[in-house]
Amino acid sequence: MRRKWLQAGQRGDMINLFYKYAYKYRLVIIAFICVIAAGAVYAAVNAGKKPTEMLVVSRSAEITEAAEPSGDTIKVYVTGEVINPGVYELSSGSRIDDALKVAGGATEEADLLRINLAAYVKDAQQIIIPGKSADGAGNYYTEAESDGLIDINAANETELTALPGVGPVTAGNIVRYREEHGPFKKIEDIMNVTRIGQKTFDGMKDRIKAE
């Protein structure tokens, strides 16, 4: 009988001790329960999501980012002896060869020997690919003299020889300079070309432009 009473007393002491520590560390216990509950809620919410759906969203974001343009663009009208004439968008600094490619290439009637495929193109420019003709005259137009001035950034060698003091050799030098250094920013830059000095420039400056 005494033994049972002692055992009952010990159980009471243990219960009192438990409540004592539970009260002392009540904040820690509450925080622990909250963490367990939050983890259970998160697991329940995300249980229906598939890894493939997350992958598709990530991949779509990559595709959207890659589709953004990386530089300035221009628009040109390509016509004449091309497969698909029309208005096309090109990167700034593109050449006539690039415009010809986006238009589907040249037709069988095109005379590519009469056009400088390495010439730079500019925004809003019309590019007419020349065709063959019985008399060899062709139908090529570069807009080099559309306002009475020769555009030194668009004219071919034959057109450049129309300038005072410019023969076939100097005309070739001008075209090669454009190919190596890019278009002229102002007409005075043409004096950087071999065989063109101040005197030659003075004779042509009223007849040229750089666009």
C-alpha atoms as a PDB file:
ATOM      1  CA  MET A   1       0.000   0.000   0.000  1.00  0.00           C
ATOM      2  CA  ARG A   2       2.772   2.385   0.906  1.00  0.00           C
ATOM      3  CA  ARG A   3       4.581   1.444  -2.292  1.00  0.00           C
ATOM      4  CA  LYS A   4       1.563   2.364  -4.418  1.00  0.00           C
ATOM      5  CA  TRP A   5       1.250   5.684  -2.609  1.00  0.00           C
ATOM      6  CA  LEU A   6       4.907   6.488  -3.369  1.00  0.00           C
ATOM      7  CA  GLN A   7       4.467   5.600  -6.997  1.00  0.00           C
ATOM      8  CA  ALA A   8       1.455   7.863  -7.218  1.00  0.00           C
ATOM      9  CA  GLY A   9       3.436  10.661  -5.589  1.00  0.00           C
ATOM     10  CA  GLN A  10       6.269  10.253  -8.042  1.00  0.00           C
ATOM     11  CA  ARG A  11       3.865  10.479 -10.973  1.00  0.00           C
ATOM     12  CA  GLY A  12       2.495  13.693  -9.543  1.00  0.00           C
ATOM     13  CA  ASP A  13       5.992  15.119  -9.215  1.00  0.00           C
ATOM     14  CA  MET A  14       6.747  14.238 -12.830  1.00  0.00           C
ATOM     15  CA  ILE A  15       3.564  15.929 -14.039  1.00  0.00           C
ATOM     16  CA  ASN A  16       4.378  19.050 -12.053  1.00  0.00           C
ATOM     17  CA  LEU A  17       7.902  19.043 -13.460  1.00  0.00           C
ATOM     18  CA  PHE A  18       6.561  18.710 -17.007  1.00  0.00           C
ATOM     19  CA  TYR A  19       4.222  21.664 -16.604  1.00  0.00           C
ATOM     20  CA  LYS A  20       7.022  23.685 -15.043  1.00  0.00           C
ATOM     21  CA  TYR A  21       9.358  23.238 -18.041  1.00  0.00           C
ATOM     22  CA  ALA A  22       6.522  23.508 -20.545  1.00  0.00           C
ATOM     23  CA  TYR A  23       5.647  26.937 -19.155  1.00  0.00           C
ATOM     24  CA  LYS A  24       9.290  28.001 -19.031  1.00  0.00           C
ATOM     25  CA  TYR A  25       9.944  27.049 -22.675  1.00  0.00           C
ATOM     26  CA  ARG A  26       6.459  27.777 -23.997  1.00  0.00           C
ATOM     27  CA  LEU A  27       7.725  30.220 -26.689  1.00  0.00           C
ATOM     28  CA  VAL A  28      10.179  27.683 -28.078  1.00  0.00           C
ATOM     29  CA  ILE A  29       7.501  25.018 -28.178  1.00  0.00           C
ATOM     30  CA  ILE A  30       5.038  27.358 -29.937  1.00  0.00           C
ATOM     31  CA  ALA A  31       7.667  28.326 -32.521  1.00  0.00           C
ATOM     32  CA  PHE A  32       8.456  24.662 -33.170  1.00  0.00           C
ATOM     33  CA  ILE A  33       4.787  23.857 -33.690  1.00  0.00           C
ATOM     34  CA  CYS A  34       4.440  26.790 -36.116  1.00  0.00           C
ATOM     35  CA  VAL A  35       7.408  25.579 -38.190  1.00  0.00           C
ATOM     36  CA  ILE A  36       5.922  22.079 -38.414  1.00  0.00           C
ATOM     37  CA  ALA A  37       2.526  23.496 -39.412  1.00  0.00           C
ATOM     38  CA  ALA A  38       4.038  25.785 -42.086  1.00  0.00           C
ATOM     39  CA  GLY A  39       5.964  22.882 -43.581  1.00  0.00           C
ATOM     40  CA  ALA A  40       2.810  20.803 -43.763  1.00  0.00           C
ATOM     41  CA  VAL A  41       0.881  23.613 -45.500  1.00  0.00           C
ATOM     42  CA  TYR A  42       3.694  24.189 -48.052  1.00  0.00           C
ATOM     43  CA  ALA A  43       3.839  20.481 -48.869  1.00  0.00           C
ATOM     44  CA  ALA A  44       0.074  20.336 -49.361  1.00  0.00           C
ATOM     45  CA  VAL A  45      -0.008  23.398 -51.652  1.00  0.00           C
ATOM     46  CA  ASN A  46       2.859  22.225 -53.891  1.00  0.00           C
ATOM     47  CA  ALA A  47       1.843  18.582 -54.000  1.00  0.00           C
ATOM     48  CA  GLY A  48      -0.193  19.125 -57.207  1.00  0.00           C
ATOM     49  CA  LYS A  49       2.526  20.981 -59.152  1.00  0.00           C
ATOM     50  CA  LYS A  50       4.528  19.083 -61.725  1.00  0.00           C
ATOM     51  CA  PRO A  51       8.251  19.669 -62.349  1.00  0.00           C
ATOM     52  CA  THR A  52       7.550  19.823 -66.091  1.00  0.00           C
ATOM     53  CA  GLU A  53       5.306  22.873 -65.622  1.00  0.00           C
ATOM     54  CA  MET A  54       8.109  24.771 -63.866  1.00  0.00           C
ATOM     55  CA  LEU A  55      10.504  23.792 -66.656  1.00  0.00           C
ATOM     56  CA  VAL A  56       8.157  25.121 -69.349  1.00  0.00           C
ATOM     57  CA  VAL A  57       7.863  28.509 -67.611  1.00  0.00           C
ATOM     58  CA  SER A  58      11.629  28.789 -67.292  1.00  0.00           C
ATOM     59  CA  ARG A  59      12.172  27.792 -70.921  1.00  0.00           C
ATOM     60  CA  SER A  60       9.570  30.300 -72.133  1.00  0.00           C
ATOM     61  CA  ALA A  61      11.374  33.077 -70.276  1.00  0.00           C
ATOM     62  CA  GLU A  62      14.626  32.137 -72.013  1.00  0.00           C
ATOM     63  CA  ILE A  63      12.959  32.172 -75.438  1.00  0.00           C
ATOM     64  CA  THR A  64      11.365  35.580 -74.798  1.00  0.00           C
ATOM     65  CA  GLU A  65      14.709  37.038 -73.749  1.00  0.00           C
ATOM     66  CA  ALA A  66      16.464  35.611 -76.807  1.00  0.00           C
ATOM     67  CA  ALA A  67      13.834  37.103 -79.136  1.00  0.00           C
ATOM     68  CA  GLU A  68      14.591  40.666 -78.116  1.00  0.00           C
ATOM     69  CA  PRO A  69      16.530  42.647 -80.755  1.00  0.00           C
ATOM     70  CA  SER A  70      20.190  43.166 -79.931  1.00  0.00           C
ATOM     71  CA  GLY A  71      20.935  46.188 -82.030  1.00  0.00           C
ATOM     72  CA  ASP A  72      19.667  48.979 -84.355  1.00  0.00           C
ATOM     73  CA  THR A  73      17.771  47.921 -87.459  1.00  0.00           C
ATOM     74  CA  ILE A  74      16.948  49.559 -90.779  1.00  0.00           C
ATOM     75  CA  LYS A  75      14.381  48.889 -93.494  1.00  0.00           C
ATOM     76  CA  VAL A  76      15.163  48.688 -97.209  1.00  0.00           C
ATOM     77  CA  TYR A  77      13.112  48.037-100.327  1.00  0.00           C
ATOM     78  CA  VAL A  78      14.650  45.290-102.458  1.00  0.00           C
ATOM     79  CA  THR A  79      13.309  44.999-105.994  1.00  0.00           C
ATOM     80  CA  GLY A  80      14.405  44.212-109.532  1.00  0.00           C
ATOM     81  CA  GLU A  81      15.704  40.760-110.399  1.00  0.00           C
ATOM     82  CA  VAL A  82      15.128  39.098-107.003  1.00  0.00           C
ATOM     83  CA  ILE A  83      12.997  36.076-106.070  1.00  0.00           C
ATOM     84  CA  ASN A  84      10.899  37.833-103.406  1.00  0.00           C
ATOM     85  CA  PRO A  85      10.910  41.632-103.837  1.00  0.00           C
ATOM     86  CA  GLY A  86       9.657  43.643-100.891  1.00  0.00           C
ATOM     87  CA  VAL A  87      10.525  45.688 -97.802  1.00  0.00           C
ATOM     88  CA  TYR A  88      12.910  43.949 -95.401  1.00  0.00           C
ATOM     89  CA  GLU A  89      14.405  44.727 -92.009  1.00  0.00           C
ATOM     90  CA  LEU A  90      18.181  44.419 -91.695  1.00  0.00           C
ATOM     91  CA  SER A  91      20.759  45.093 -89.048  1.00  0.00           C
ATOM     92  CA  SER A  92      22.513  48.448 -89.188  1.00  0.00           C
ATOM     93  CA  GLY A  93      25.763  48.055 -91.127  1.00  0.00           C
ATOM     94  CA  SER A  94      24.360  45.452 -93.535  1.00  0.00           C
ATOM     95  CA  ARG A  95      25.453  45.300 -97.163  1.00  0.00           C
ATOM     96  CA  ILE A  96      23.622  44.832-100.469  1.00  0.00           C
ATOM     97  CA  ASP A  97      24.567  41.149-100.397  1.00  0.00           C
ATOM     98  CA  ASP A  98      22.651  40.768 -97.117  1.00  0.00           C
ATOM     99  CA  ALA A  99      19.598  42.460 -98.622  1.00  0.00           C
ATOM    100  CA  LEU A 100      19.771  40.183-101.653  1.00  0.00           C
ATOM    101  CA  LYS A 101      19.834  37.086 -99.446  1.00  0.00           C
ATOM    102  CA  VAL A 102      16.786  38.049 -97.356  1.00  0.00           C
ATOM    103  CA  ALA A 103      14.894  38.709-100.592  1.00  0.00           C
ATOM    104  CA  GLY A 104      15.399  35.098-101.620  1.00  0.00           C
ATOM    105  CA  GLY A 105      18.415  35.616-103.875  1.00  0.00           C
ATOM    106  CA  ALA A 106      18.762  36.739-107.480  1.00  0.00           C
ATOM    107  CA  THR A 107      16.776  35.459-110.457  1.00  0.00           C
ATOM    108  CA  GLU A 108      18.390  33.841-113.486  1.00  0.00           C
ATOM    109  CA  GLU A 109      18.067  37.146-115.330  1.00  0.00           C
ATOM    110  CA  ALA A 110      20.057  39.121-112.733  1.00  0.00           C
ATOM    111  CA  ASP A 111      23.375  40.689-113.732  1.00  0.00           C
ATOM    112  CA  LEU A 112      25.295  40.749-110.445  1.00  0.00           C
ATOM    113  CA  LEU A 113      28.499  41.882-112.150  1.00  0.00           C
ATOM    114  CA  ARG A 114      26.972  45.331-112.482  1.00  0.00           C
ATOM    115  CA  ILE A 115      26.313  45.871-108.781  1.00  0.00           C
ATOM    116  CA  ASN A 116      28.634  46.223-105.805  1.00  0.00           C
ATOM    117  CA  LEU A 117      27.341  43.549-103.414  1.00  0.00           C
ATOM    118  CA  ALA A 118      29.735  44.762-100.711  1.00  0.00           C
ATOM    119  CA  ALA A 119      28.264  48.283-100.604  1.00  0.00           C
ATOM    120  CA  TYR A 120      26.603  49.326 -97.363  1.00  0.00           C
ATOM    121  CA  VAL A 121      22.848  49.928 -97.309  1.00  0.00           C
ATOM    122  CA  LYS A 122      21.017  52.699 -95.459  1.00  0.00           C
ATOM    123  CA  ASP A 123      17.566  53.092 -93.947  1.00  0.00           C
ATOM    124  CA  ALA A 124      14.711  53.674 -96.431  1.00  0.00           C
ATOM    125  CA  GLN A 125      16.974  52.862 -99.392  1.00  0.00           C
ATOM    126  CA  GLN A 126      15.613  51.249-102.535  1.00  0.00           C
ATOM    127  CA  ILE A 127      17.910  48.544-103.907  1.00  0.00           C
ATOM    128  CA  ILE A 128      17.249  47.522-107.509  1.00  0.00           C
ATOM    129  CA  ILE A 129      19.084  44.400-108.640  1.00  0.00           C
ATOM    130  CA  PRO A 130      20.023  44.897-112.312  1.00  0.00           C
ATOM    131  CA  GLY A 131      18.839  42.604-115.055  1.00  0.00           C
ATOM    132  CA  LYS A 132      20.400  41.540-118.335  1.00  0.00           C
ATOM    133  CA  SER A 133      19.329  43.226-121.579  1.00  0.00           C
ATOM    134  CA  ALA A 134      20.063  42.722-125.239  1.00  0.00           C
ATOM    135  CA  ASP A 135      22.133  45.893-125.566  1.00  0.00           C
ATOM    136  CA  GLY A 136      23.946  45.365-122.279  1.00  0.00           C
ATOM    137  CA  ALA A 137      22.580  48.584-120.826  1.00  0.00           C
ATOM    138  CA  GLY A 138      20.723  46.862-117.993  1.00  0.00           C
ATOM    139  CA  ASN A 139      18.299  48.579-115.633  1.00  0.00           C
ATOM    140  CA  TYR A 140      20.312  49.155-112.478  1.00  0.00           C
ATOM    141  CA  TYR A 141      19.576  52.147-110.251  1.00  0.00           C
ATOM    142  CA  THR A 142      21.381  52.893-106.978  1.00  0.00           C
ATOM    143  CA  GLU A 143      19.808  56.239-106.067  1.00  0.00           C
ATOM    144  CA  ALA A 144      23.337  57.665-106.140  1.00  0.00           C
ATOM    145  CA  GLU A 145      22.158  60.681-108.152  1.00  0.00           C
ATOM    146  CA  SER A 146      18.498  60.967-107.140  1.00  0.00           C
ATOM    147  CA  ASP A 147      18.923  64.659-106.193  1.00  0.00           C
ATOM    148  CA  GLY A 148      21.669  65.559-108.649  1.00  0.00           C
ATOM    149  CA  LEU A 149      24.469  64.705-106.190  1.00  0.00           C
ATOM    150  CA  ILE A 150      26.499  61.531-106.233  1.00  0.00           C
ATOM    151  CA  ASP A 151      26.316  59.636-102.950  1.00  0.00           C
ATOM    152  CA  ILE A 152      29.883  58.514-102.308  1.00  0.00           C
ATOM    153  CA  ASN A 153      28.537  55.809 -99.983  1.00  0.00           C
ATOM    154  CA  ALA A 154      26.318  54.225-102.644  1.00  0.00           C
ATOM    155  CA  ALA A 155      27.828  54.970-106.064  1.00  0.00           C
ATOM    156  CA  ASN A 156      29.619  52.179-107.903  1.00  0.00           C
ATOM    157  CA  GLU A 157      32.946  52.595-109.687  1.00  0.00           C
ATOM    158  CA  THR A 158      31.364  53.592-112.999  1.00  0.00           C
ATOM    159  CA  GLU A 159      29.269  56.325-111.363  1.00  0.00           C
ATOM    160  CA  LEU A 160      32.239  57.635-109.377  1.00  0.00           C
ATOM    161  CA  THR A 161      34.247  58.186-112.545  1.00  0.00           C
ATOM    162  CA  ALA A 162      31.738  60.923-113.441  1.00  0.00           C
ATOM    163  CA  LEU A 163      33.313  63.089-110.729  1.00  0.00           C
ATOM    164  CA  PRO A 164      36.037  65.571-111.694  1.00  0.00           C
ATOM    165  CA  GLY A 165      39.518  64.148-111.198  1.00  0.00           C
ATOM    166  CA  VAL A 166      38.276  60.579-110.557  1.00  0.00           C
ATOM    167  CA  GLY A 167      39.374  57.886-112.965  1.00  0.00           C
ATOM    168  CA  PRO A 168      38.945  54.095-112.782  1.00  0.00           C
ATOM    169  CA  VAL A 169      41.858  53.666-110.361  1.00  0.00           C
ATOM    170  CA  THR A 170      40.671  56.355-107.941  1.00  0.00           C
ATOM    171  CA  ALA A 171      37.087  55.100-108.173  1.00  0.00           C
ATOM    172  CA  GLY A 172      38.328  51.644-107.230  1.00  0.00           C
ATOM    173  CA  ASN A 173      40.199  53.155-104.279  1.00  0.00           C
ATOM    174  CA  ILE A 174      36.996  54.814-103.047  1.00  0.00           C
ATOM    175  CA  VAL A 175      35.032  51.551-103.192  1.00  0.00           C
ATOM    176  CA  ARG A 176      37.793  49.620-101.411  1.00  0.00           C
ATOM    177  CA  TYR A 177      38.004  52.278 -98.707  1.00  0.00           C
ATOM    178  CA  ARG A 178      34.270  51.920 -98.033  1.00  0.00           C
ATOM    179  CA  GLU A 179      34.588  48.155 -97.818  1.00  0.00           C
ATOM    180  CA  GLU A 180      37.488  48.343 -95.357  1.00  0.00           C
ATOM    181  CA  HIS A 181      36.435  51.312 -93.204  1.00  0.00           C
ATOM    182  CA  GLY A 182      32.679  51.571 -93.606  1.00  0.00           C
ATOM    183  CA  PRO A 183      30.660  54.448 -95.078  1.00  0.00           C
ATOM    184  CA  PHE A 184      31.919  58.032 -95.147  1.00  0.00           C
ATOM    185  CA  LYS A 185      30.506  60.136 -92.304  1.00  0.00           C
ATOM    186  CA  LYS A 186      31.016  63.428 -94.179  1.00  0.00           C
ATOM    187  CA  ILE A 187      32.163  64.336 -97.661  1.00  0.00           C
ATOM    188  CA  GLU A 188      35.535  65.618 -96.387  1.00  0.00           C
ATOM    189  CA  ASP A 189      36.385  62.035 -95.363  1.00  0.00           C
ATOM    190  CA  ILE A 190      36.884  61.154 -99.012  1.00  0.00           C
ATOM    191  CA  MET A 191      40.286  62.862 -98.764  1.00  0.00           C
ATOM    192  CA  ASN A 192      41.401  59.840 -96.714  1.00  0.00           C
ATOM    193  CA  VAL A 193      41.288  57.825 -99.946  1.00  0.00           C
ATOM    194  CA  THR A 194      44.542  57.336-101.811  1.00  0.00           C
ATOM    195  CA  ARG A 195      45.015  59.754-104.765  1.00  0.00           C
ATOM    196  CA  ILE A 196      42.411  62.245-103.467  1.00  0.00           C
ATOM    197  CA  GLY A 197      43.877  65.434-102.015  1.00  0.00           C
ATOM    198  CA  GLN A 198      42.554  68.892-101.283  1.00  0.00           C
ATOM    199  CA  LYS A 199      42.682  69.973-104.933  1.00  0.00           C
ATOM    200  CA  THR A 200      40.708  66.967-106.160  1.00  0.00           C
ATOM    201  CA  PHE A 201      38.220  67.378-103.325  1.00  0.00           C
ATOM    202  CA  ASP A 202      37.670  71.063-104.139  1.00  0.00           C
ATOM    203  CA  GLY A 203      36.761  70.046-107.682  1.00  0.00           C
ATOM    204  CA  MET A 204      34.122  67.529-106.608  1.00  0.00           C
ATOM    205  CA  LYS A 205      32.743  68.786-103.257  1.00  0.00           C
ATOM    206  CA  ASP A 206      29.750  70.558-104.863  1.00  0.00           C
ATOM    207  CA  ARG A 207      28.730  67.382-106.642  1.00  0.00           C
ATOM    208  CA  ILE A 208      28.876  64.801-103.856  1.00  0.00           C
ATOM    209  CA  LYS A 209      27.064  63.848-100.650  1.00  0.00           C
ATOM    210  CA  ALA A 210      27.596  61.251 -97.926  1.00  0.00           C
ATOM    211  CA  GLU A 211      24.415  59.588 -96.696  1.00  0.00           C
END
